[in-house]
Each structure stands twice: as C-alpha cells, then as structure tokens.
N, C-alpha and C. Protein backbone atom coordinates (compact mmCIF):
# COMPACT_ATOMS: atom_id res chain seq x y z
N MET A 1 164.48 69.87 119.52
CA MET A 1 164.30 68.68 118.72
C MET A 1 165.57 67.84 118.80
N SER A 2 165.43 66.55 118.94
CA SER A 2 166.56 65.67 119.09
C SER A 2 166.46 64.51 118.12
N CYS A 3 167.62 63.95 117.78
CA CYS A 3 167.63 62.83 116.84
C CYS A 3 167.51 61.49 117.54
N THR A 4 167.79 61.46 118.83
CA THR A 4 167.68 60.21 119.58
C THR A 4 166.86 60.43 120.82
N SER A 5 166.30 59.35 121.31
CA SER A 5 165.51 59.42 122.53
C SER A 5 166.41 59.18 123.72
N ASN A 6 166.23 59.94 124.77
CA ASN A 6 167.00 59.74 125.99
C ASN A 6 166.31 58.81 126.97
N GLN A 7 165.14 58.29 126.57
CA GLN A 7 164.41 57.39 127.45
C GLN A 7 165.10 56.04 127.50
N PRO A 8 165.18 55.45 128.69
CA PRO A 8 165.69 54.08 128.77
C PRO A 8 164.75 53.15 128.01
N ASP A 9 165.31 52.03 127.53
CA ASP A 9 164.52 51.07 126.75
C ASP A 9 163.27 50.61 127.47
N ARG A 10 163.31 50.46 128.79
CA ARG A 10 162.15 49.94 129.51
C ARG A 10 160.97 50.92 129.52
N GLU A 11 161.24 52.24 129.26
CA GLU A 11 160.18 53.23 129.24
C GLU A 11 159.56 53.43 127.86
N ARG A 12 160.19 52.93 126.83
CA ARG A 12 159.67 53.08 125.48
C ARG A 12 158.50 52.14 125.25
N LYS A 13 157.51 52.63 124.54
CA LYS A 13 156.37 51.78 124.21
C LYS A 13 156.66 51.06 122.90
N GLN A 14 156.27 49.81 122.85
CA GLN A 14 156.46 49.02 121.65
C GLN A 14 155.09 48.62 121.12
N ILE A 15 154.87 48.86 119.85
CA ILE A 15 153.62 48.49 119.22
C ILE A 15 153.89 47.34 118.27
N ILE A 16 153.19 46.24 118.47
CA ILE A 16 153.35 45.08 117.61
C ILE A 16 152.05 44.80 116.90
N LEU A 17 152.10 44.74 115.57
CA LEU A 17 150.94 44.38 114.78
C LEU A 17 151.02 42.90 114.45
N THR A 18 150.00 42.19 114.77
CA THR A 18 149.98 40.76 114.45
C THR A 18 148.98 40.53 113.34
N ALA A 19 149.41 39.79 112.34
CA ALA A 19 148.55 39.49 111.20
C ALA A 19 147.80 38.19 111.46
N PRO A 20 146.55 38.12 111.03
CA PRO A 20 145.79 36.88 111.22
C PRO A 20 146.38 35.76 110.37
N ASP A 21 146.19 34.50 110.84
CA ASP A 21 146.70 33.34 110.11
C ASP A 21 146.03 33.19 108.75
N LYS A 22 144.75 33.53 108.68
CA LYS A 22 143.98 33.38 107.45
C LYS A 22 143.33 34.72 107.11
N PRO A 23 143.09 34.96 105.80
CA PRO A 23 142.39 36.20 105.42
C PRO A 23 141.03 36.29 106.11
N SER A 24 140.64 37.50 106.47
CA SER A 24 139.37 37.67 107.15
C SER A 24 138.51 38.72 106.45
N ILE A 25 137.24 38.62 106.66
CA ILE A 25 136.31 39.59 106.08
C ILE A 25 136.45 40.94 106.76
N ALA A 26 136.96 40.94 107.98
CA ALA A 26 137.07 42.18 108.77
C ALA A 26 138.01 43.20 108.12
N GLY A 27 138.89 42.76 107.22
CA GLY A 27 139.75 43.71 106.52
C GLY A 27 140.94 44.17 107.33
N TYR A 28 141.71 43.23 107.84
CA TYR A 28 142.89 43.55 108.65
C TYR A 28 143.82 44.54 107.93
N PHE A 29 144.12 44.26 106.67
CA PHE A 29 145.05 45.10 105.92
C PHE A 29 144.53 46.53 105.82
N LYS A 30 143.26 46.69 105.49
CA LYS A 30 142.68 48.03 105.34
C LYS A 30 142.65 48.78 106.66
N ASP A 31 142.57 48.07 107.78
CA ASP A 31 142.56 48.72 109.08
C ASP A 31 143.91 49.31 109.47
N HIS A 32 144.99 48.77 108.90
CA HIS A 32 146.33 49.16 109.33
C HIS A 32 147.16 49.89 108.27
N PHE A 33 146.73 49.83 107.01
CA PHE A 33 147.52 50.42 105.95
C PHE A 33 146.66 51.29 105.04
N GLU A 34 147.27 52.36 104.50
CA GLU A 34 146.53 53.31 103.67
C GLU A 34 146.15 52.73 102.31
N ILE A 35 147.09 52.06 101.64
CA ILE A 35 146.82 51.48 100.33
C ILE A 35 146.44 50.02 100.53
N ALA A 36 145.27 49.68 100.10
CA ALA A 36 144.79 48.31 100.31
C ALA A 36 144.71 47.55 99.00
N ASP A 37 145.42 48.01 97.98
CA ASP A 37 145.41 47.33 96.69
C ASP A 37 146.70 46.56 96.50
N VAL A 38 146.60 45.43 95.84
CA VAL A 38 147.78 44.68 95.45
C VAL A 38 147.94 44.88 93.95
N ILE A 39 149.08 45.41 93.56
CA ILE A 39 149.32 45.74 92.16
C ILE A 39 150.54 44.97 91.69
N GLN A 40 150.36 44.14 90.69
CA GLN A 40 151.50 43.40 90.13
C GLN A 40 152.24 44.35 89.20
N ILE A 41 153.48 44.63 89.54
CA ILE A 41 154.28 45.59 88.78
C ILE A 41 154.99 44.89 87.63
N GLU A 42 154.97 45.55 86.48
CA GLU A 42 155.64 45.04 85.28
C GLU A 42 157.12 44.83 85.57
N THR A 43 157.66 43.72 85.12
CA THR A 43 159.09 43.45 85.25
C THR A 43 159.62 42.90 83.94
N GLY A 44 160.90 42.90 83.80
CA GLY A 44 161.58 42.37 82.62
C GLY A 44 163.07 42.43 82.87
N ASP A 45 163.85 41.95 81.90
CA ASP A 45 165.30 41.94 82.08
C ASP A 45 165.87 43.33 82.30
N ASP A 46 165.26 44.34 81.67
CA ASP A 46 165.74 45.71 81.81
C ASP A 46 164.90 46.52 82.80
N LEU A 47 163.92 45.88 83.43
CA LEU A 47 163.05 46.54 84.41
C LEU A 47 163.03 45.73 85.71
N LEU A 48 164.10 45.84 86.47
CA LEU A 48 164.18 45.08 87.71
C LEU A 48 164.02 46.02 88.90
N ILE A 49 163.07 45.69 89.76
CA ILE A 49 162.83 46.49 90.96
C ILE A 49 163.26 45.64 92.15
N ALA A 50 164.17 46.19 92.95
CA ALA A 50 164.67 45.45 94.11
C ALA A 50 164.89 46.42 95.26
N ASP A 51 164.80 45.91 96.47
CA ASP A 51 165.09 46.69 97.67
C ASP A 51 164.29 48.00 97.68
N ILE A 52 162.97 47.88 97.74
CA ILE A 52 162.10 49.06 97.69
C ILE A 52 162.33 49.92 98.93
N LYS A 53 162.72 51.18 98.70
CA LYS A 53 163.03 52.12 99.78
C LYS A 53 161.86 53.04 100.12
N LYS A 54 161.09 53.43 99.10
CA LYS A 54 159.98 54.34 99.35
C LYS A 54 158.91 54.17 98.28
N VAL A 55 157.66 54.29 98.70
CA VAL A 55 156.52 54.22 97.79
C VAL A 55 155.64 55.44 98.07
N ILE A 56 155.30 56.17 97.00
CA ILE A 56 154.45 57.35 97.11
C ILE A 56 153.28 57.16 96.15
N ARG A 57 152.07 57.35 96.63
CA ARG A 57 150.88 57.23 95.78
C ARG A 57 150.41 58.65 95.42
N HIS A 58 150.22 58.88 94.13
CA HIS A 58 149.69 60.16 93.66
C HIS A 58 148.66 59.89 92.57
N LYS A 59 147.42 60.16 92.88
CA LYS A 59 146.30 59.94 91.95
C LYS A 59 146.36 58.52 91.42
N ASP A 60 146.51 58.35 90.11
CA ASP A 60 146.53 57.00 89.52
C ASP A 60 147.95 56.51 89.26
N ARG A 61 148.92 57.05 90.01
CA ARG A 61 150.32 56.66 89.83
C ARG A 61 150.97 56.27 91.14
N ILE A 62 151.97 55.44 91.04
CA ILE A 62 152.81 55.08 92.17
C ILE A 62 154.23 55.49 91.80
N ILE A 63 154.88 56.20 92.70
CA ILE A 63 156.27 56.59 92.51
C ILE A 63 157.07 55.76 93.49
N LEU A 64 158.03 55.00 92.98
CA LEU A 64 158.72 54.00 93.78
C LEU A 64 160.22 54.18 93.65
N LEU A 65 160.94 54.16 94.78
CA LEU A 65 162.40 54.20 94.77
C LEU A 65 162.91 52.79 94.98
N SER A 66 163.60 52.27 93.98
CA SER A 66 164.25 50.97 94.07
C SER A 66 165.69 51.21 94.50
N GLY A 67 166.00 50.89 95.74
CA GLY A 67 167.33 51.17 96.27
C GLY A 67 168.41 50.29 95.69
N GLY A 68 168.05 49.08 95.25
CA GLY A 68 169.03 48.16 94.70
C GLY A 68 169.76 48.71 93.49
N ASN A 69 169.07 49.47 92.68
CA ASN A 69 169.70 50.04 91.49
C ASN A 69 169.53 51.56 91.41
N SER A 70 169.14 52.20 92.52
CA SER A 70 168.97 53.66 92.58
C SER A 70 168.12 54.20 91.43
N THR A 71 167.02 53.53 91.18
CA THR A 71 166.12 53.93 90.11
C THR A 71 164.78 54.35 90.69
N VAL A 72 164.22 55.42 90.16
CA VAL A 72 162.88 55.87 90.52
C VAL A 72 161.95 55.47 89.38
N PHE A 73 160.88 54.75 89.74
CA PHE A 73 159.91 54.30 88.75
C PHE A 73 158.59 55.03 88.96
N VAL A 74 157.93 55.41 87.87
CA VAL A 74 156.57 55.93 87.90
C VAL A 74 155.71 54.84 87.28
N ILE A 75 154.74 54.34 88.06
CA ILE A 75 153.98 53.15 87.68
C ILE A 75 152.49 53.49 87.64
N ASP A 76 151.79 52.97 86.65
CA ASP A 76 150.34 53.11 86.58
C ASP A 76 149.76 52.26 87.71
N ALA A 77 149.00 52.88 88.60
CA ALA A 77 148.50 52.20 89.79
C ALA A 77 147.41 51.18 89.48
N LYS A 78 146.82 51.25 88.30
CA LYS A 78 145.76 50.31 87.93
C LYS A 78 146.31 49.09 87.21
N THR A 79 147.26 49.32 86.31
CA THR A 79 147.75 48.22 85.47
C THR A 79 149.10 47.66 85.92
N GLY A 80 149.86 48.42 86.70
CA GLY A 80 151.20 47.99 87.11
C GLY A 80 152.26 48.26 86.06
N LYS A 81 151.89 48.85 84.94
CA LYS A 81 152.85 49.15 83.87
C LYS A 81 153.74 50.33 84.27
N ILE A 82 155.01 50.21 83.97
CA ILE A 82 155.96 51.28 84.25
C ILE A 82 155.80 52.35 83.18
N GLN A 83 155.47 53.56 83.60
CA GLN A 83 155.27 54.68 82.67
C GLN A 83 156.57 55.42 82.38
N SER A 84 157.44 55.51 83.39
CA SER A 84 158.74 56.14 83.19
C SER A 84 159.68 55.68 84.29
N SER A 85 160.96 55.87 84.06
CA SER A 85 161.95 55.55 85.09
C SER A 85 163.07 56.59 85.02
N ILE A 86 163.67 56.83 86.18
CA ILE A 86 164.76 57.81 86.28
C ILE A 86 165.96 57.09 86.87
N ASN A 87 167.02 56.99 86.08
CA ASN A 87 168.28 56.39 86.54
C ASN A 87 169.39 57.01 85.72
N ARG A 88 169.77 58.21 86.10
CA ARG A 88 170.80 58.96 85.37
C ARG A 88 172.09 58.89 86.17
N VAL A 89 173.01 58.02 85.75
CA VAL A 89 174.26 57.80 86.46
C VAL A 89 175.34 58.72 85.88
N GLY A 90 176.05 59.40 86.77
CA GLY A 90 177.13 60.28 86.35
C GLY A 90 177.31 61.42 87.33
N ARG A 91 178.10 62.42 86.91
CA ARG A 91 178.39 63.56 87.78
C ARG A 91 177.81 64.87 87.25
N GLY A 92 177.17 64.84 86.11
CA GLY A 92 176.66 66.06 85.48
C GLY A 92 175.30 66.47 86.04
N PRO A 93 174.71 67.50 85.44
CA PRO A 93 173.40 67.97 85.89
C PRO A 93 172.34 66.86 85.81
N GLY A 94 171.59 66.69 86.89
CA GLY A 94 170.54 65.68 86.94
C GLY A 94 171.03 64.27 87.12
N GLU A 95 172.32 64.10 87.42
CA GLU A 95 172.89 62.74 87.54
C GLU A 95 173.32 62.45 88.97
N SER A 96 173.45 61.14 89.26
CA SER A 96 173.81 60.66 90.60
C SER A 96 174.63 59.39 90.49
N ARG A 97 175.35 59.07 91.55
CA ARG A 97 175.90 57.72 91.69
C ARG A 97 174.85 56.85 92.35
N SER A 98 174.21 57.44 93.38
CA SER A 98 173.11 56.72 94.04
C SER A 98 172.07 57.72 94.55
N VAL A 99 170.85 57.23 94.64
CA VAL A 99 169.74 58.04 95.13
C VAL A 99 169.56 57.73 96.61
N ILE A 100 169.56 58.76 97.44
CA ILE A 100 169.40 58.56 98.88
C ILE A 100 167.93 58.49 99.26
N ASP A 101 167.12 59.41 98.74
CA ASP A 101 165.69 59.43 99.07
C ASP A 101 164.94 60.24 98.02
N ILE A 102 163.61 60.09 98.03
CA ILE A 102 162.76 60.84 97.12
C ILE A 102 161.58 61.43 97.88
N ALA A 103 160.98 62.43 97.27
CA ALA A 103 159.73 63.02 97.77
C ALA A 103 158.95 63.46 96.54
N PHE A 104 157.72 63.90 96.75
CA PHE A 104 156.89 64.32 95.63
C PHE A 104 156.14 65.58 96.01
N ASP A 105 156.15 66.57 95.12
CA ASP A 105 155.41 67.80 95.32
C ASP A 105 154.12 67.70 94.50
N GLU A 106 152.99 67.57 95.19
CA GLU A 106 151.70 67.39 94.51
C GLU A 106 151.26 68.62 93.74
N LEU A 107 151.60 69.80 94.23
CA LEU A 107 151.18 71.03 93.57
C LEU A 107 151.82 71.18 92.18
N SER A 108 153.12 71.00 92.11
CA SER A 108 153.83 71.14 90.84
C SER A 108 153.94 69.81 90.09
N GLU A 109 153.54 68.72 90.76
CA GLU A 109 153.66 67.35 90.22
C GLU A 109 155.09 67.05 89.81
N GLN A 110 156.02 67.34 90.74
CA GLN A 110 157.43 67.09 90.50
C GLN A 110 157.98 66.07 91.49
N ILE A 111 158.86 65.22 90.97
CA ILE A 111 159.57 64.25 91.79
C ILE A 111 160.85 64.92 92.26
N LEU A 112 161.11 64.86 93.56
CA LEU A 112 162.32 65.41 94.13
C LEU A 112 163.23 64.24 94.47
N ILE A 113 164.45 64.28 93.99
CA ILE A 113 165.42 63.21 94.23
C ILE A 113 166.61 63.82 94.96
N TYR A 114 166.93 63.29 96.13
CA TYR A 114 168.11 63.73 96.88
C TYR A 114 169.20 62.69 96.63
N ASN A 115 170.36 63.16 96.14
CA ASN A 115 171.40 62.20 95.76
C ASN A 115 172.66 62.30 96.62
N ASP A 116 173.62 61.43 96.31
CA ASP A 116 174.85 61.34 97.08
C ASP A 116 175.82 62.49 96.82
N TYR A 117 175.51 63.38 95.92
CA TYR A 117 176.31 64.59 95.71
C TYR A 117 175.71 65.77 96.48
N SER A 118 174.80 65.50 97.41
CA SER A 118 174.11 66.54 98.19
C SER A 118 173.39 67.53 97.28
N ARG A 119 172.75 66.99 96.25
CA ARG A 119 171.96 67.82 95.34
C ARG A 119 170.51 67.34 95.37
N LEU A 120 169.61 68.29 95.26
CA LEU A 120 168.19 68.00 95.16
C LEU A 120 167.81 68.18 93.69
N LEU A 121 167.39 67.08 93.05
CA LEU A 121 167.07 67.09 91.63
C LEU A 121 165.56 67.12 91.45
N PHE A 122 165.10 67.83 90.44
CA PHE A 122 163.68 67.96 90.16
C PHE A 122 163.38 67.33 88.79
N PHE A 123 162.39 66.43 88.76
CA PHE A 123 161.96 65.77 87.54
C PHE A 123 160.45 65.85 87.43
N ASP A 124 159.94 65.82 86.19
CA ASP A 124 158.49 65.71 86.04
C ASP A 124 158.11 64.22 86.05
N LEU A 125 156.84 63.92 85.98
CA LEU A 125 156.37 62.53 86.06
C LEU A 125 156.75 61.70 84.84
N ASN A 126 157.19 62.35 83.76
CA ASN A 126 157.66 61.62 82.58
C ASN A 126 159.14 61.28 82.68
N GLY A 127 159.79 61.72 83.77
CA GLY A 127 161.21 61.44 83.96
C GLY A 127 162.12 62.48 83.35
N THR A 128 161.56 63.61 82.93
CA THR A 128 162.36 64.69 82.33
C THR A 128 163.02 65.52 83.43
N PHE A 129 164.33 65.71 83.32
CA PHE A 129 165.07 66.51 84.29
C PHE A 129 164.70 67.97 84.11
N LEU A 130 164.38 68.65 85.23
CA LEU A 130 163.97 70.05 85.19
C LEU A 130 165.03 70.99 85.74
N SER A 131 165.56 70.68 86.93
CA SER A 131 166.55 71.54 87.54
C SER A 131 167.16 70.83 88.75
N GLU A 132 168.10 71.50 89.40
CA GLU A 132 168.69 70.95 90.62
C GLU A 132 169.10 72.08 91.55
N LYS A 133 169.26 71.74 92.82
CA LYS A 133 169.67 72.71 93.83
C LYS A 133 170.70 72.04 94.73
N LYS A 134 171.82 72.71 94.96
CA LYS A 134 172.86 72.21 95.85
C LYS A 134 172.40 72.38 97.30
N ILE A 135 172.55 71.34 98.08
CA ILE A 135 172.22 71.36 99.50
C ILE A 135 173.54 71.42 100.26
N ASP A 136 173.53 71.88 101.53
CA ASP A 136 174.80 71.98 102.25
C ASP A 136 175.55 70.65 102.23
N ASP A 137 176.80 70.66 102.65
CA ASP A 137 177.67 69.49 102.51
C ASP A 137 177.36 68.34 103.46
N GLU A 138 176.52 68.55 104.45
CA GLU A 138 176.14 67.44 105.33
C GLU A 138 175.26 66.48 104.53
N LEU A 139 175.50 65.19 104.70
CA LEU A 139 174.72 64.20 103.97
C LEU A 139 173.52 63.77 104.83
N TYR A 140 172.34 63.94 104.31
CA TYR A 140 171.11 63.59 105.02
C TYR A 140 170.62 62.22 104.57
N GLU A 141 169.69 61.64 105.33
CA GLU A 141 169.20 60.30 105.01
C GLU A 141 167.74 60.28 104.60
N ASP A 142 166.96 61.25 105.01
CA ASP A 142 165.53 61.27 104.72
C ASP A 142 165.15 62.61 104.11
N LEU A 143 164.16 62.56 103.22
CA LEU A 143 163.66 63.74 102.54
C LEU A 143 162.14 63.71 102.63
N ASN A 144 161.54 64.83 103.01
CA ASN A 144 160.08 64.92 103.10
C ASN A 144 159.61 66.26 102.58
N ARG A 145 158.35 66.28 102.15
CA ARG A 145 157.69 67.51 101.72
C ARG A 145 156.59 67.81 102.71
N TYR A 146 156.48 69.06 103.08
CA TYR A 146 155.40 69.51 103.95
C TYR A 146 155.04 70.93 103.54
N GLY A 147 153.85 71.09 102.96
CA GLY A 147 153.47 72.40 102.47
C GLY A 147 154.43 72.86 101.39
N ASN A 148 155.01 74.03 101.55
CA ASN A 148 155.98 74.52 100.57
C ASN A 148 157.42 74.32 101.06
N LYS A 149 157.60 73.40 101.99
CA LYS A 149 158.92 73.17 102.57
C LYS A 149 159.46 71.79 102.17
N VAL A 150 160.78 71.71 102.03
CA VAL A 150 161.48 70.45 101.86
C VAL A 150 162.29 70.25 103.13
N ILE A 151 162.11 69.11 103.78
CA ILE A 151 162.75 68.86 105.08
C ILE A 151 163.72 67.70 104.94
N PHE A 152 164.97 67.93 105.34
CA PHE A 152 166.02 66.92 105.31
C PHE A 152 166.30 66.47 106.73
N HIS A 153 166.42 65.15 106.94
CA HIS A 153 166.69 64.59 108.27
C HIS A 153 167.96 63.76 108.21
N SER A 154 168.65 63.70 109.32
CA SER A 154 169.80 62.82 109.46
C SER A 154 169.59 61.95 110.68
N LYS A 155 169.88 60.67 110.55
CA LYS A 155 169.71 59.74 111.68
C LYS A 155 171.00 59.54 112.44
N SER A 156 172.09 60.15 112.00
CA SER A 156 173.37 59.93 112.64
C SER A 156 173.40 60.54 114.04
N GLU A 157 174.18 59.93 114.90
CA GLU A 157 174.27 60.35 116.29
C GLU A 157 174.86 61.75 116.39
N GLY A 158 174.28 62.57 117.25
CA GLY A 158 174.77 63.92 117.44
C GLY A 158 174.39 64.88 116.32
N CYS A 159 173.38 64.52 115.57
CA CYS A 159 173.00 65.37 114.44
C CYS A 159 172.32 66.65 114.92
N ASP A 160 172.35 67.64 114.07
CA ASP A 160 171.68 68.89 114.36
C ASP A 160 170.20 68.75 114.02
N THR A 161 169.46 69.81 114.19
CA THR A 161 168.04 69.79 113.81
C THR A 161 167.93 69.64 112.30
N PRO A 162 166.80 69.17 111.80
CA PRO A 162 166.64 68.99 110.36
C PRO A 162 166.83 70.29 109.60
N GLN A 163 167.31 70.17 108.37
CA GLN A 163 167.42 71.36 107.51
C GLN A 163 166.09 71.52 106.80
N ILE A 164 165.59 72.75 106.78
CA ILE A 164 164.30 73.05 106.13
C ILE A 164 164.53 74.09 105.06
N LEU A 165 164.11 73.78 103.85
CA LEU A 165 164.19 74.72 102.74
C LEU A 165 162.79 75.20 102.41
N ASP A 166 162.61 76.50 102.33
CA ASP A 166 161.32 77.09 101.96
C ASP A 166 161.32 77.40 100.47
N ASN A 167 160.16 77.21 99.86
CA ASN A 167 159.91 77.64 98.48
C ASN A 167 161.01 77.26 97.50
N CYS A 168 161.48 76.03 97.55
CA CYS A 168 162.54 75.66 96.61
C CYS A 168 162.03 74.79 95.47
N ILE A 169 160.71 74.67 95.33
CA ILE A 169 160.16 73.85 94.26
C ILE A 169 160.28 74.60 92.94
N ASN A 170 160.70 73.89 91.93
CA ASN A 170 160.83 74.44 90.58
C ASN A 170 159.44 74.52 89.95
N VAL A 171 158.96 75.72 89.63
CA VAL A 171 157.64 75.86 89.00
C VAL A 171 157.75 76.52 87.65
C-alpha cells in the first residue's frame, strides 16, 4: 500500500462531473450524490458553521465537522435544528485545541473525534464525553470506521501504511 501514485500525470484518469445549467427532471443530483436533500441548518451568533470538513448521515441525524471553529454538530436531518455540539477546548480529558477528523460508530452510536494531541475521543450523540484513547505520536489526517476497526491515514509524503486499531470502540 502506498500513499502516492507512481503513475505519470498523463496516465492518470480524470473524472469531471458537469452540472446542467438548469434543474432537470432527470435528477442530476440524485444520480451523483447519496444525500439528495437540502437542509437549512440553524444558525445564530453562537452557532456558526464554517469550513465544513466532514458530513456523516446517521438515521435522522447529520453529524458535521466545522473546521473553522473545530466544532462537531449533531443536527436533526428533518428540521435543521442543532441538537448538540462538541467544542471542548483545552488540554484535559475530552479536550482539544483543534479537531483533525471525525468518524461515527453506528453500532455503539458514538462519535469518534481525532484531535491534535493524537487522542481519539469518544462522545455520545448528546455530546457527552465518554472516554479517550492515546494514539501513537505520528499525526494522521484522516479517520475512518470499517467494521470494528478504526483506520488512520496520513497524506504526507513517505508515510507508512495506515494505522489500524481493532476493537477500540467504547461500549
């Protein structure tokens, strides 16, 4: 497994999606994207969402990472109302300076937050801190869930294979 492709640029395939000039009955959006709903998200002076890094859909909820302020929002997918938010700044348990990435474990219904202290934090959907796990000192950029595994990826040049943690979900 490699982090970069050794293929010359001329051999790489490029896929370009072109959007129609006008809305069509054919359903262009539904043909290319999994979520075909437009949801107006609640905002206010104390609820600002900016620089969306990741969106996860779970049942009737949307879990969203706002990179601009390192906040994770849990949003009602029907109404757009924010049900909870996670933004614990500091160095103590369950706290971060910034959130690097998030994932979601559907079985335990837990939000996994990977932070800049190389810790994996576990929260429930109400934003309650449950536990944390220290990850090795290498800083990763992506976090994914697959089965009972948590997979960390790094995009930096010369990186090693992804780190895979088995059975680390807090139940």
